[in-house]
């Protein structure tokens, strides 16, 4: 059962930020895919709901070859999935969105809401971190930009200050000879991942690794970069034994928690396997 609340519906971003600053016990709703669930469970009972779904200033996808990709916070997952420029320049984002929940959820749920909810099992965060994304947030007093990997603080906690909203996600332009891959492990296709792994690999002119990122989902309180495995790859050539070693490191350095879906040991095993596979796939994409 959801308790009574006061509904706020701003028409502009300026109005939304002013309303958010004015009301203390206030939660932001956009798609509501996550918020309504925790309200129905009685975990939170805000006095005010601020609905930004119709703030059109935050609904956009822009791409520039020099600047990269900019996605407004209220852009739906389905818009990202179907945007041809993203499909061409960031195919891993489209692949990820194809597997995110159901079409019904993707039609209504938003990228900003997903990231602000900060569920460690969420799909977009590991992929976006692997792509070196940052996030722009703002309040009535101005906005600021944060590296996405620094945005997540703990389970369902972010670096947002009081009165701040997620405004935009920015992904740098893709580098030459860069490939990325993402896969989650789940029992039902529309479920959130029991675990997930994203990898990006950038090669130099000699085909050796210039840069790499390995980011695990549902492997701890926040999306987790495996920097020890990333460092192992730098300067190396394609080698499946190298990928296996990186997977072993990932299984050691992750921090999964056992629950009704899987034990900690099983999660570590899965993360090691997925890391190995995603590195191989990303490297092959970078070479092609």
C-alpha atoms as a PDB file:
ATOM      1  CA  UNK A   1       0.000   0.000   0.000  1.00  0.00           C
ATOM      2  CA  UNK A   2       1.281   3.468  -0.902  1.00  0.00           C
ATOM      3  CA  UNK A   3       0.623   6.250   1.590  1.00  0.00           C
ATOM      4  CA  UNK A   4      -0.767   9.621   0.531  1.00  0.00           C
ATOM      5  CA  UNK A   5       1.647  12.178  -0.893  1.00  0.00           C
ATOM      6  CA  UNK A   6       1.600  15.622  -2.491  1.00  0.00           C
ATOM      7  CA  UNK A   7       2.223  15.543  -6.238  1.00  0.00           C
ATOM      8  CA  UNK A   8       4.454  18.190  -7.830  1.00  0.00           C
ATOM      9  CA  UNK A   9       4.588  18.522 -11.630  1.00  0.00           C
ATOM     10  CA  UNK A  10       6.986  21.200 -12.912  1.00  0.00           C
ATOM     11  CA  UNK A  11       6.937  22.276 -16.549  1.00  0.00           C
ATOM     12  CA  UNK A  12      10.576  23.362 -16.769  1.00  0.00           C
ATOM     13  CA  UNK A  13      13.907  22.335 -15.287  1.00  0.00           C
ATOM     14  CA  UNK A  14      14.135  25.655 -13.447  1.00  0.00           C
ATOM     15  CA  UNK A  15      10.781  24.989 -11.803  1.00  0.00           C
ATOM     16  CA  UNK A  16      11.784  21.429 -10.922  1.00  0.00           C
ATOM     17  CA  UNK A  17      14.999  22.519  -9.210  1.00  0.00           C
ATOM     18  CA  UNK A  18      13.194  25.267  -7.303  1.00  0.00           C
ATOM     19  CA  UNK A  19      10.489  22.866  -6.094  1.00  0.00           C
ATOM     20  CA  UNK A  20      13.068  20.277  -5.080  1.00  0.00           C
ATOM     21  CA  UNK A  21      14.990  22.852  -3.057  1.00  0.00           C
ATOM     22  CA  UNK A  22      11.798  24.075  -1.379  1.00  0.00           C
ATOM     23  CA  UNK A  23      10.477  20.728  -0.086  1.00  0.00           C
ATOM     24  CA  UNK A  24      12.498  18.673   2.382  1.00  0.00           C
ATOM     25  CA  UNK A  25      10.702  15.314   2.384  1.00  0.00           C
ATOM     26  CA  UNK A  26      10.624  14.944  -1.384  1.00  0.00           C
ATOM     27  CA  UNK A  27      11.489  12.144  -3.808  1.00  0.00           C
ATOM     28  CA  UNK A  28      11.946  12.494  -7.555  1.00  0.00           C
ATOM     29  CA  UNK A  29       9.897  10.307  -9.876  1.00  0.00           C
ATOM     30  CA  UNK A  30      10.367   9.972 -13.611  1.00  0.00           C
ATOM     31  CA  UNK A  31       9.637   6.477 -14.857  1.00  0.00           C
ATOM     32  CA  UNK A  32       8.824   5.235 -11.360  1.00  0.00           C
ATOM     33  CA  UNK A  33       9.949   1.695 -12.206  1.00  0.00           C
ATOM     34  CA  UNK A  34      11.945   1.436  -8.965  1.00  0.00           C
ATOM     35  CA  UNK A  35      10.531   4.166  -6.718  1.00  0.00           C
ATOM     36  CA  UNK A  36       6.928   2.908  -6.718  1.00  0.00           C
ATOM     37  CA  UNK A  37       8.108  -0.568  -5.727  1.00  0.00           C
ATOM     38  CA  UNK A  38       9.918   0.625  -2.599  1.00  0.00           C
ATOM     39  CA  UNK A  39       6.995   2.922  -1.767  1.00  0.00           C
ATOM     40  CA  UNK A  40       4.575   0.026  -2.086  1.00  0.00           C
ATOM     41  CA  UNK A  41       6.790  -2.055   0.193  1.00  0.00           C
ATOM     42  CA  UNK A  42       6.647   0.700   2.798  1.00  0.00           C
ATOM     43  CA  UNK A  43      10.398   1.266   2.738  1.00  0.00           C
ATOM     44  CA  UNK A  44       9.910   4.990   2.124  1.00  0.00           C
ATOM     45  CA  UNK A  45       6.910   7.287   2.475  1.00  0.00           C
ATOM     46  CA  UNK A  46       7.764  10.762   1.143  1.00  0.00           C
ATOM     47  CA  UNK A  47       5.492  13.729   1.734  1.00  0.00           C
ATOM     48  CA  UNK A  48       6.116  15.017  -1.811  1.00  0.00           C
ATOM     49  CA  UNK A  49       6.742  13.406  -5.190  1.00  0.00           C
ATOM     50  CA  UNK A  50       8.421  15.585  -7.816  1.00  0.00           C
ATOM     51  CA  UNK A  51       7.510  14.296 -11.293  1.00  0.00           C
ATOM     52  CA  UNK A  52      10.097  15.343 -13.905  1.00  0.00           C
ATOM     53  CA  UNK A  53       8.879  12.955 -16.609  1.00  0.00           C
ATOM     54  CA  UNK A  54       7.532  15.799 -18.737  1.00  0.00           C
ATOM     55  CA  UNK A  55      10.493  18.176 -18.351  1.00  0.00           C
ATOM     56  CA  UNK A  56      11.379  18.084 -22.047  1.00  0.00           C
ATOM     57  CA  UNK A  57      14.688  19.915 -21.512  1.00  0.00           C
ATOM     58  CA  UNK A  58      16.095  16.647 -20.134  1.00  0.00           C
ATOM     59  CA  UNK A  59      14.835  14.385 -22.928  1.00  0.00           C
ATOM     60  CA  UNK A  60      17.453  14.312 -25.698  1.00  0.00           C
ATOM     61  CA  UNK A  61      20.238  12.364 -27.369  1.00  0.00           C
ATOM     62  CA  UNK A  62      23.036  14.352 -29.007  1.00  0.00           C
ATOM     63  CA  UNK A  63      26.204  13.145 -30.720  1.00  0.00           C
ATOM     64  CA  UNK A  64      29.233  15.044 -31.954  1.00  0.00           C
ATOM     65  CA  UNK A  65      32.391  13.381 -33.275  1.00  0.00           C
ATOM     66  CA  UNK A  66      34.599  15.594 -31.114  1.00  0.00           C
ATOM     67  CA  UNK A  67      32.447  15.839 -27.999  1.00  0.00           C
ATOM     68  CA  UNK A  68      30.890  12.388 -27.960  1.00  0.00           C
ATOM     69  CA  UNK A  69      27.439  11.328 -26.793  1.00  0.00           C
ATOM     70  CA  UNK A  70      25.155  13.291 -24.469  1.00  0.00           C
ATOM     71  CA  UNK A  71      21.959  11.731 -23.122  1.00  0.00           C
ATOM     72  CA  UNK A  72      19.421  13.712 -21.123  1.00  0.00           C
ATOM     73  CA  UNK A  73      18.306  12.227 -17.816  1.00  0.00           C
ATOM     74  CA  UNK A  74      14.677  11.629 -18.828  1.00  0.00           C
ATOM     75  CA  UNK A  75      15.598   9.809 -22.045  1.00  0.00           C
ATOM     76  CA  UNK A  76      14.035   6.353 -22.005  1.00  0.00           C
ATOM     77  CA  UNK A  77      15.957   3.117 -22.394  1.00  0.00           C
ATOM     78  CA  UNK A  78      13.968   2.378 -25.534  1.00  0.00           C
ATOM     79  CA  UNK A  79      15.067   5.651 -27.138  1.00  0.00           C
ATOM     80  CA  UNK A  80      18.702   4.720 -26.480  1.00  0.00           C
ATOM     81  CA  UNK A  81      18.150   1.209 -27.804  1.00  0.00           C
ATOM     82  CA  UNK A  82      16.640   2.464 -31.074  1.00  0.00           C
ATOM     83  CA  UNK A  83      18.879   5.482 -31.765  1.00  0.00           C
ATOM     84  CA  UNK A  84      20.864   4.744 -34.935  1.00  0.00           C
ATOM     85  CA  UNK A  85      23.827   6.983 -34.055  1.00  0.00           C
ATOM     86  CA  UNK A  86      24.305   5.043 -30.813  1.00  0.00           C
ATOM     87  CA  UNK A  87      24.004   1.758 -32.683  1.00  0.00           C
ATOM     88  CA  UNK A  88      26.778   2.877 -35.034  1.00  0.00           C
ATOM     89  CA  UNK A  89      29.201   4.444 -32.539  1.00  0.00           C
ATOM     90  CA  UNK A  90      28.427   2.686 -29.242  1.00  0.00           C
ATOM     91  CA  UNK A  91      26.930  -0.710 -30.185  1.00  0.00           C
ATOM     92  CA  UNK A  92      27.569  -2.111 -26.702  1.00  0.00           C
ATOM     93  CA  UNK A  93      25.001   0.351 -25.304  1.00  0.00           C
ATOM     94  CA  UNK A  94      22.348  -0.947 -27.692  1.00  0.00           C
ATOM     95  CA  UNK A  95      23.274  -4.544 -26.869  1.00  0.00           C
ATOM     96  CA  UNK A  96      22.937  -3.783 -23.155  1.00  0.00           C
ATOM     97  CA  UNK A  97      19.585  -2.029 -23.578  1.00  0.00           C
ATOM     98  CA  UNK A  98      18.232  -4.970 -25.604  1.00  0.00           C
ATOM     99  CA  UNK A  99      18.585  -7.122 -22.476  1.00  0.00           C
ATOM    100  CA  UNK A 100      17.390  -4.578 -19.919  1.00  0.00           C
ATOM    101  CA  UNK A 101      14.144  -5.842 -18.360  1.00  0.00           C
ATOM    102  CA  UNK A 102      11.186  -5.904 -20.790  1.00  0.00           C
ATOM    103  CA  UNK A 103      10.114  -3.657 -23.659  1.00  0.00           C
ATOM    104  CA  UNK A 104       7.377  -2.235 -21.430  1.00  0.00           C
ATOM    105  CA  UNK A 105       9.956  -1.187 -18.823  1.00  0.00           C
ATOM    106  CA  UNK A 106      12.318   0.208 -21.466  1.00  0.00           C
ATOM    107  CA  UNK A 107       9.486   2.246 -22.974  1.00  0.00           C
ATOM    108  CA  UNK A 108       8.933   4.108 -19.699  1.00  0.00           C
ATOM    109  CA  UNK A 109      12.072   3.773 -17.556  1.00  0.00           C
ATOM    110  CA  UNK A 110      14.766   6.422 -17.940  1.00  0.00           C
ATOM    111  CA  UNK A 111      18.548   6.416 -17.928  1.00  0.00           C
ATOM    112  CA  UNK A 112      18.743   9.106 -15.245  1.00  0.00           C
ATOM    113  CA  UNK A 113      16.343   7.274 -12.981  1.00  0.00           C
ATOM    114  CA  UNK A 114      18.244   4.016 -13.385  1.00  0.00           C
ATOM    115  CA  UNK A 115      21.573   5.577 -12.416  1.00  0.00           C
ATOM    116  CA  UNK A 116      20.128   7.644  -9.561  1.00  0.00           C
ATOM    117  CA  UNK A 117      18.504   4.530  -8.078  1.00  0.00           C
ATOM    118  CA  UNK A 118      22.033   3.059  -7.796  1.00  0.00           C
ATOM    119  CA  UNK A 119      21.057  -0.592  -7.725  1.00  0.00           C
ATOM    120  CA  UNK A 120      24.371  -2.504  -8.011  1.00  0.00           C
ATOM    121  CA  UNK A 121      22.585  -5.000 -10.290  1.00  0.00           C
ATOM    122  CA  UNK A 122      21.597  -2.293 -12.786  1.00  0.00           C
ATOM    123  CA  UNK A 123      22.686  -2.822 -16.396  1.00  0.00           C
ATOM    124  CA  UNK A 124      23.737   0.645 -17.670  1.00  0.00           C
ATOM    125  CA  UNK A 125      26.340   1.603 -15.055  1.00  0.00           C
ATOM    126  CA  UNK A 126      29.034  -1.055 -15.764  1.00  0.00           C
ATOM    127  CA  UNK A 127      28.828  -0.409 -19.514  1.00  0.00           C
ATOM    128  CA  UNK A 128      28.946   3.373 -19.164  1.00  0.00           C
ATOM    129  CA  UNK A 129      31.882   3.202 -16.746  1.00  0.00           C
ATOM    130  CA  UNK A 130      33.721   0.933 -19.184  1.00  0.00           C
ATOM    131  CA  UNK A 131      33.122   3.659 -21.793  1.00  0.00           C
ATOM    132  CA  UNK A 132      34.586   6.316 -19.413  1.00  0.00           C
ATOM    133  CA  UNK A 133      31.303   8.170 -18.997  1.00  0.00           C
ATOM    134  CA  UNK A 134      30.664  11.008 -16.606  1.00  0.00           C
ATOM    135  CA  UNK A 135      27.416  12.350 -15.220  1.00  0.00           C
ATOM    136  CA  UNK A 136      26.206  15.925 -14.846  1.00  0.00           C
ATOM    137  CA  UNK A 137      24.091  16.736 -11.813  1.00  0.00           C
ATOM    138  CA  UNK A 138      22.609  20.016 -10.685  1.00  0.00           C
ATOM    139  CA  UNK A 139      20.502  21.900  -8.207  1.00  0.00           C
ATOM    140  CA  UNK A 140      19.107  25.379  -7.733  1.00  0.00           C
ATOM    141  CA  UNK A 141      22.625  26.731  -7.097  1.00  0.00           C
ATOM    142  CA  UNK A 142      24.284  25.274 -10.199  1.00  0.00           C
ATOM    143  CA  UNK A 143      25.550  22.034 -11.706  1.00  0.00           C
ATOM    144  CA  UNK A 144      28.698  19.887 -11.576  1.00  0.00           C
ATOM    145  CA  UNK A 145      30.166  16.926 -13.424  1.00  0.00           C
ATOM    146  CA  UNK A 146      31.271  13.677 -11.759  1.00  0.00           C
ATOM    147  CA  UNK A 147      33.037  10.641 -13.176  1.00  0.00           C
ATOM    148  CA  UNK A 148      30.356   7.976 -13.249  1.00  0.00           C
ATOM    149  CA  UNK A 149      32.543   5.523 -11.357  1.00  0.00           C
ATOM    150  CA  UNK A 150      32.692   8.062  -8.497  1.00  0.00           C
ATOM    151  CA  UNK A 151      28.941   8.699  -8.560  1.00  0.00           C
ATOM    152  CA  UNK A 152      28.044   5.467  -6.767  1.00  0.00           C
ATOM    153  CA  UNK A 153      28.791   5.510  -3.032  1.00  0.00           C
ATOM    154  CA  UNK A 154      27.089   2.442  -1.537  1.00  0.00           C
ATOM    155  CA  UNK A 155      24.025   0.254  -1.995  1.00  0.00           C
ATOM    156  CA  UNK A 156      21.362   2.585  -3.422  1.00  0.00           C
ATOM    157  CA  UNK A 157      23.454   5.635  -2.447  1.00  0.00           C
ATOM    158  CA  UNK A 158      25.015   8.203  -4.764  1.00  0.00           C
ATOM    159  CA  UNK A 159      27.118  11.353  -4.591  1.00  0.00           C
ATOM    160  CA  UNK A 160      24.040  13.524  -5.198  1.00  0.00           C
ATOM    161  CA  UNK A 161      23.772  16.345  -2.685  1.00  0.00           C
ATOM    162  CA  UNK A 162      20.478  17.474  -1.210  1.00  0.00           C
ATOM    163  CA  UNK A 163      18.397  19.219  -3.873  1.00  0.00           C
ATOM    164  CA  UNK A 164      20.407  17.850  -6.826  1.00  0.00           C
ATOM    165  CA  UNK A 165      19.010  15.986  -9.825  1.00  0.00           C
ATOM    166  CA  UNK A 166      20.740  13.888 -12.469  1.00  0.00           C
ATOM    167  CA  UNK A 167      20.762  16.050 -15.598  1.00  0.00           C
ATOM    168  CA  UNK A 168      22.868  14.308 -18.246  1.00  0.00           C
ATOM    169  CA  UNK A 169      25.140  11.397 -19.073  1.00  0.00           C
ATOM    170  CA  UNK A 170      28.185  12.155 -21.237  1.00  0.00           C
ATOM    171  CA  UNK A 171      30.170   9.459 -23.033  1.00  0.00           C
ATOM    172  CA  UNK A 172      33.448  10.506 -24.727  1.00  0.00           C
ATOM    173  CA  UNK A 173      33.828   9.854 -28.468  1.00  0.00           C
ATOM    174  CA  UNK A 174      34.917   6.298 -29.257  1.00  0.00           C
ATOM    175  CA  UNK A 175      38.656   5.924 -29.821  1.00  0.00           C
ATOM    176  CA  UNK A 176      40.068   4.213 -32.913  1.00  0.00           C
ATOM    177  CA  UNK A 177      40.630   0.489 -32.360  1.00  0.00           C
ATOM    178  CA  UNK A 178      38.388   0.364 -29.296  1.00  0.00           C
ATOM    179  CA  UNK A 179      35.953  -2.446 -28.614  1.00  0.00           C
ATOM    180  CA  UNK A 180      33.540  -3.065 -25.767  1.00  0.00           C
ATOM    181  CA  UNK A 181      31.345  -5.937 -24.622  1.00  0.00           C
ATOM    182  CA  UNK A 182      28.816  -6.630 -21.877  1.00  0.00           C
ATOM    183  CA  UNK A 183      26.971  -9.673 -20.604  1.00  0.00           C
ATOM    184  CA  UNK A 184      24.948 -10.475 -17.526  1.00  0.00           C
ATOM    185  CA  UNK A 185      24.031 -13.861 -16.112  1.00  0.00           C
ATOM    186  CA  UNK A 186      20.379 -14.339 -15.250  1.00  0.00           C
ATOM    187  CA  UNK A 187      17.871 -17.163 -15.242  1.00  0.00           C
ATOM    188  CA  UNK A 188      15.082 -15.190 -16.935  1.00  0.00           C
ATOM    189  CA  UNK A 189      15.953 -12.846 -19.783  1.00  0.00           C
ATOM    190  CA  UNK A 190      13.938  -9.950 -18.348  1.00  0.00           C
ATOM    191  CA  UNK A 191      15.489 -10.237 -14.865  1.00  0.00           C
ATOM    192  CA  UNK A 192      18.301  -8.133 -13.476  1.00  0.00           C
ATOM    193  CA  UNK A 193      21.650  -9.875 -13.608  1.00  0.00           C
ATOM    194  CA  UNK A 194      22.767 -12.197 -10.830  1.00  0.00           C
ATOM    195  CA  UNK A 195      26.177 -10.873 -11.891  1.00  0.00           C
ATOM    196  CA  UNK A 196      27.451  -8.978 -14.942  1.00  0.00           C
ATOM    197  CA  UNK A 197      30.707  -7.946 -16.594  1.00  0.00           C
ATOM    198  CA  UNK A 198      31.585  -5.133 -18.981  1.00  0.00           C
ATOM    199  CA  UNK A 199      34.951  -4.730 -20.695  1.00  0.00           C
ATOM    200  CA  UNK A 200      36.495  -2.212 -23.057  1.00  0.00           C
ATOM    201  CA  UNK A 201      39.830  -2.608 -24.831  1.00  0.00           C
ATOM    202  CA  UNK A 202      41.755  -0.016 -26.861  1.00  0.00           C
ATOM    203  CA  UNK A 203      44.644  -1.196 -29.038  1.00  0.00           C
ATOM    204  CA  UNK A 204      47.697   0.646 -30.338  1.00  0.00           C
ATOM    205  CA  UNK A 205      48.986   0.494 -33.915  1.00  0.00           C
ATOM    206  CA  UNK A 206      50.866  -2.720 -33.135  1.00  0.00           C
ATOM    207  CA  UNK A 207      47.730  -4.479 -31.907  1.00  0.00           C
ATOM    208  CA  UNK A 208      48.747  -4.396 -28.261  1.00  0.00           C
ATOM    209  CA  UNK A 209      46.567  -3.185 -25.436  1.00  0.00           C
ATOM    210  CA  UNK A 210      46.845   0.564 -24.859  1.00  0.00           C
ATOM    211  CA  UNK A 211      43.982   0.853 -22.409  1.00  0.00           C
ATOM    212  CA  UNK A 212      41.452  -1.474 -20.794  1.00  0.00           C
ATOM    213  CA  UNK A 213      38.544  -1.317 -18.410  1.00  0.00           C
ATOM    214  CA  UNK A 214      36.842  -4.173 -16.599  1.00  0.00           C
ATOM    215  CA  UNK A 215      33.697  -3.300 -14.646  1.00  0.00           C
ATOM    216  CA  UNK A 216      31.599  -5.827 -12.744  1.00  0.00           C
ATOM    217  CA  UNK A 217      27.909  -5.539 -11.888  1.00  0.00           C
ATOM    218  CA  UNK A 218      26.279  -6.938  -8.745  1.00  0.00           C
ATOM    219  CA  UNK A 219      29.752  -7.793  -7.491  1.00  0.00           C
ATOM    220  CA  UNK A 220      29.627  -5.510  -4.452  1.00  0.00           C
ATOM    221  CA  UNK A 221      27.908  -2.408  -3.145  1.00  0.00           C
ATOM    222  CA  UNK A 222      28.672  -0.452  -6.326  1.00  0.00           C
ATOM    223  CA  UNK A 223      29.815  -1.250  -9.892  1.00  0.00           C
ATOM    224  CA  UNK A 224      33.372  -2.456  -9.386  1.00  0.00           C
ATOM    225  CA  UNK A 225      36.390  -1.770 -11.581  1.00  0.00           C
ATOM    226  CA  UNK A 226      39.021  -4.493 -11.476  1.00  0.00           C
ATOM    227  CA  UNK A 227      42.094  -2.308 -11.846  1.00  0.00           C
ATOM    228  CA  UNK A 228      44.594  -5.070 -11.060  1.00  0.00           C
ATOM    229  CA  UNK A 229      43.344  -7.026 -14.076  1.00  0.00           C
ATOM    230  CA  UNK A 230      43.277  -3.896 -16.245  1.00  0.00           C
ATOM    231  CA  UNK A 231      46.942  -3.232 -15.462  1.00  0.00           C
ATOM    232  CA  UNK A 232      47.797  -6.829 -16.375  1.00  0.00           C
ATOM    233  CA  UNK A 233      46.601  -6.239 -19.943  1.00  0.00           C
ATOM    234  CA  UNK A 234      48.478  -3.011 -20.731  1.00  0.00           C
ATOM    235  CA  UNK A 235      51.179  -3.496 -23.364  1.00  0.00           C
ATOM    236  CA  UNK A 236      50.177  -7.104 -24.016  1.00  0.00           C
ATOM    237  CA  UNK A 237      49.110  -8.818 -27.228  1.00  0.00           C
ATOM    238  CA  UNK A 238      46.014 -10.968 -27.724  1.00  0.00           C
ATOM    239  CA  UNK A 239      46.339 -14.028 -25.511  1.00  0.00           C
ATOM    240  CA  UNK A 240      43.497 -16.182 -24.210  1.00  0.00           C
ATOM    241  CA  UNK A 241      45.655 -17.255 -21.268  1.00  0.00           C
ATOM    242  CA  UNK A 242      45.919 -13.555 -20.387  1.00  0.00           C
ATOM    243  CA  UNK A 243      42.134 -13.250 -20.428  1.00  0.00           C
ATOM    244  CA  UNK A 244      41.862 -16.277 -18.169  1.00  0.00           C
ATOM    245  CA  UNK A 245      44.305 -14.710 -15.712  1.00  0.00           C
ATOM    246  CA  UNK A 246      42.311 -11.460 -15.758  1.00  0.00           C
ATOM    247  CA  UNK A 247      39.175 -13.488 -15.049  1.00  0.00           C
ATOM    248  CA  UNK A 248      40.892 -15.157 -12.110  1.00  0.00           C
ATOM    249  CA  UNK A 249      41.838 -11.746 -10.694  1.00  0.00           C
ATOM    250  CA  UNK A 250      38.272 -10.526 -11.160  1.00  0.00           C
ATOM    251  CA  UNK A 251      36.917 -13.507  -9.225  1.00  0.00           C
ATOM    252  CA  UNK A 252      39.372 -12.727  -6.407  1.00  0.00           C
ATOM    253  CA  UNK A 253      38.914  -8.943  -6.248  1.00  0.00           C
ATOM    254  CA  UNK A 254      35.126  -8.781  -6.494  1.00  0.00           C
ATOM    255  CA  UNK A 255      32.959  -8.507  -3.383  1.00  0.00           C
ATOM    256  CA  UNK A 256      29.698 -10.351  -4.127  1.00  0.00           C
ATOM    257  CA  UNK A 257      27.115 -11.099  -1.458  1.00  0.00           C
ATOM    258  CA  UNK A 258      25.234 -14.388  -1.227  1.00  0.00           C
ATOM    259  CA  UNK A 259      21.442 -14.334  -1.464  1.00  0.00           C
ATOM    260  CA  UNK A 260      18.577 -16.595  -2.548  1.00  0.00           C
ATOM    261  CA  UNK A 261      19.760 -16.414  -6.177  1.00  0.00           C
ATOM    262  CA  UNK A 262      23.398 -17.521  -5.790  1.00  0.00           C
ATOM    263  CA  UNK A 263      26.123 -18.150  -3.251  1.00  0.00           C
ATOM    264  CA  UNK A 264      29.194 -15.944  -3.014  1.00  0.00           C
ATOM    265  CA  UNK A 265      31.339 -18.768  -4.406  1.00  0.00           C
ATOM    266  CA  UNK A 266      29.059 -19.252  -7.425  1.00  0.00           C
ATOM    267  CA  UNK A 267      29.026 -15.516  -8.105  1.00  0.00           C
ATOM    268  CA  UNK A 268      32.826 -15.345  -8.005  1.00  0.00           C
ATOM    269  CA  UNK A 269      33.023 -18.214 -10.489  1.00  0.00           C
ATOM    270  CA  UNK A 270      30.528 -16.566 -12.836  1.00  0.00           C
ATOM    271  CA  UNK A 271      32.324 -13.207 -12.673  1.00  0.00           C
ATOM    272  CA  UNK A 272      35.615 -14.863 -13.571  1.00  0.00           C
ATOM    273  CA  UNK A 273      34.074 -16.608 -16.573  1.00  0.00           C
ATOM    274  CA  UNK A 274      32.230 -13.501 -17.785  1.00  0.00           C
ATOM    275  CA  UNK A 275      35.329 -11.322 -17.439  1.00  0.00           C
ATOM    276  CA  UNK A 276      37.361 -13.728 -19.564  1.00  0.00           C
ATOM    277  CA  UNK A 277      34.654 -13.883 -22.233  1.00  0.00           C
ATOM    278  CA  UNK A 278      33.987 -10.142 -22.364  1.00  0.00           C
ATOM    279  CA  UNK A 279      37.701  -9.299 -22.641  1.00  0.00           C
ATOM    280  CA  UNK A 280      38.064 -11.702 -25.557  1.00  0.00           C
ATOM    281  CA  UNK A 281      34.961 -10.281 -27.242  1.00  0.00           C
ATOM    282  CA  UNK A 282      36.008  -6.651 -26.685  1.00  0.00           C
ATOM    283  CA  UNK A 283      39.523  -7.323 -27.979  1.00  0.00           C
ATOM    284  CA  UNK A 284      38.185  -9.005 -31.119  1.00  0.00           C
ATOM    285  CA  UNK A 285      35.884  -6.029 -31.732  1.00  0.00           C
ATOM    286  CA  UNK A 286      38.818  -3.664 -31.284  1.00  0.00           C
ATOM    287  CA  UNK A 287      40.843  -5.608 -33.868  1.00  0.00           C
ATOM    288  CA  UNK A 288      38.003  -5.580 -36.399  1.00  0.00           C
END
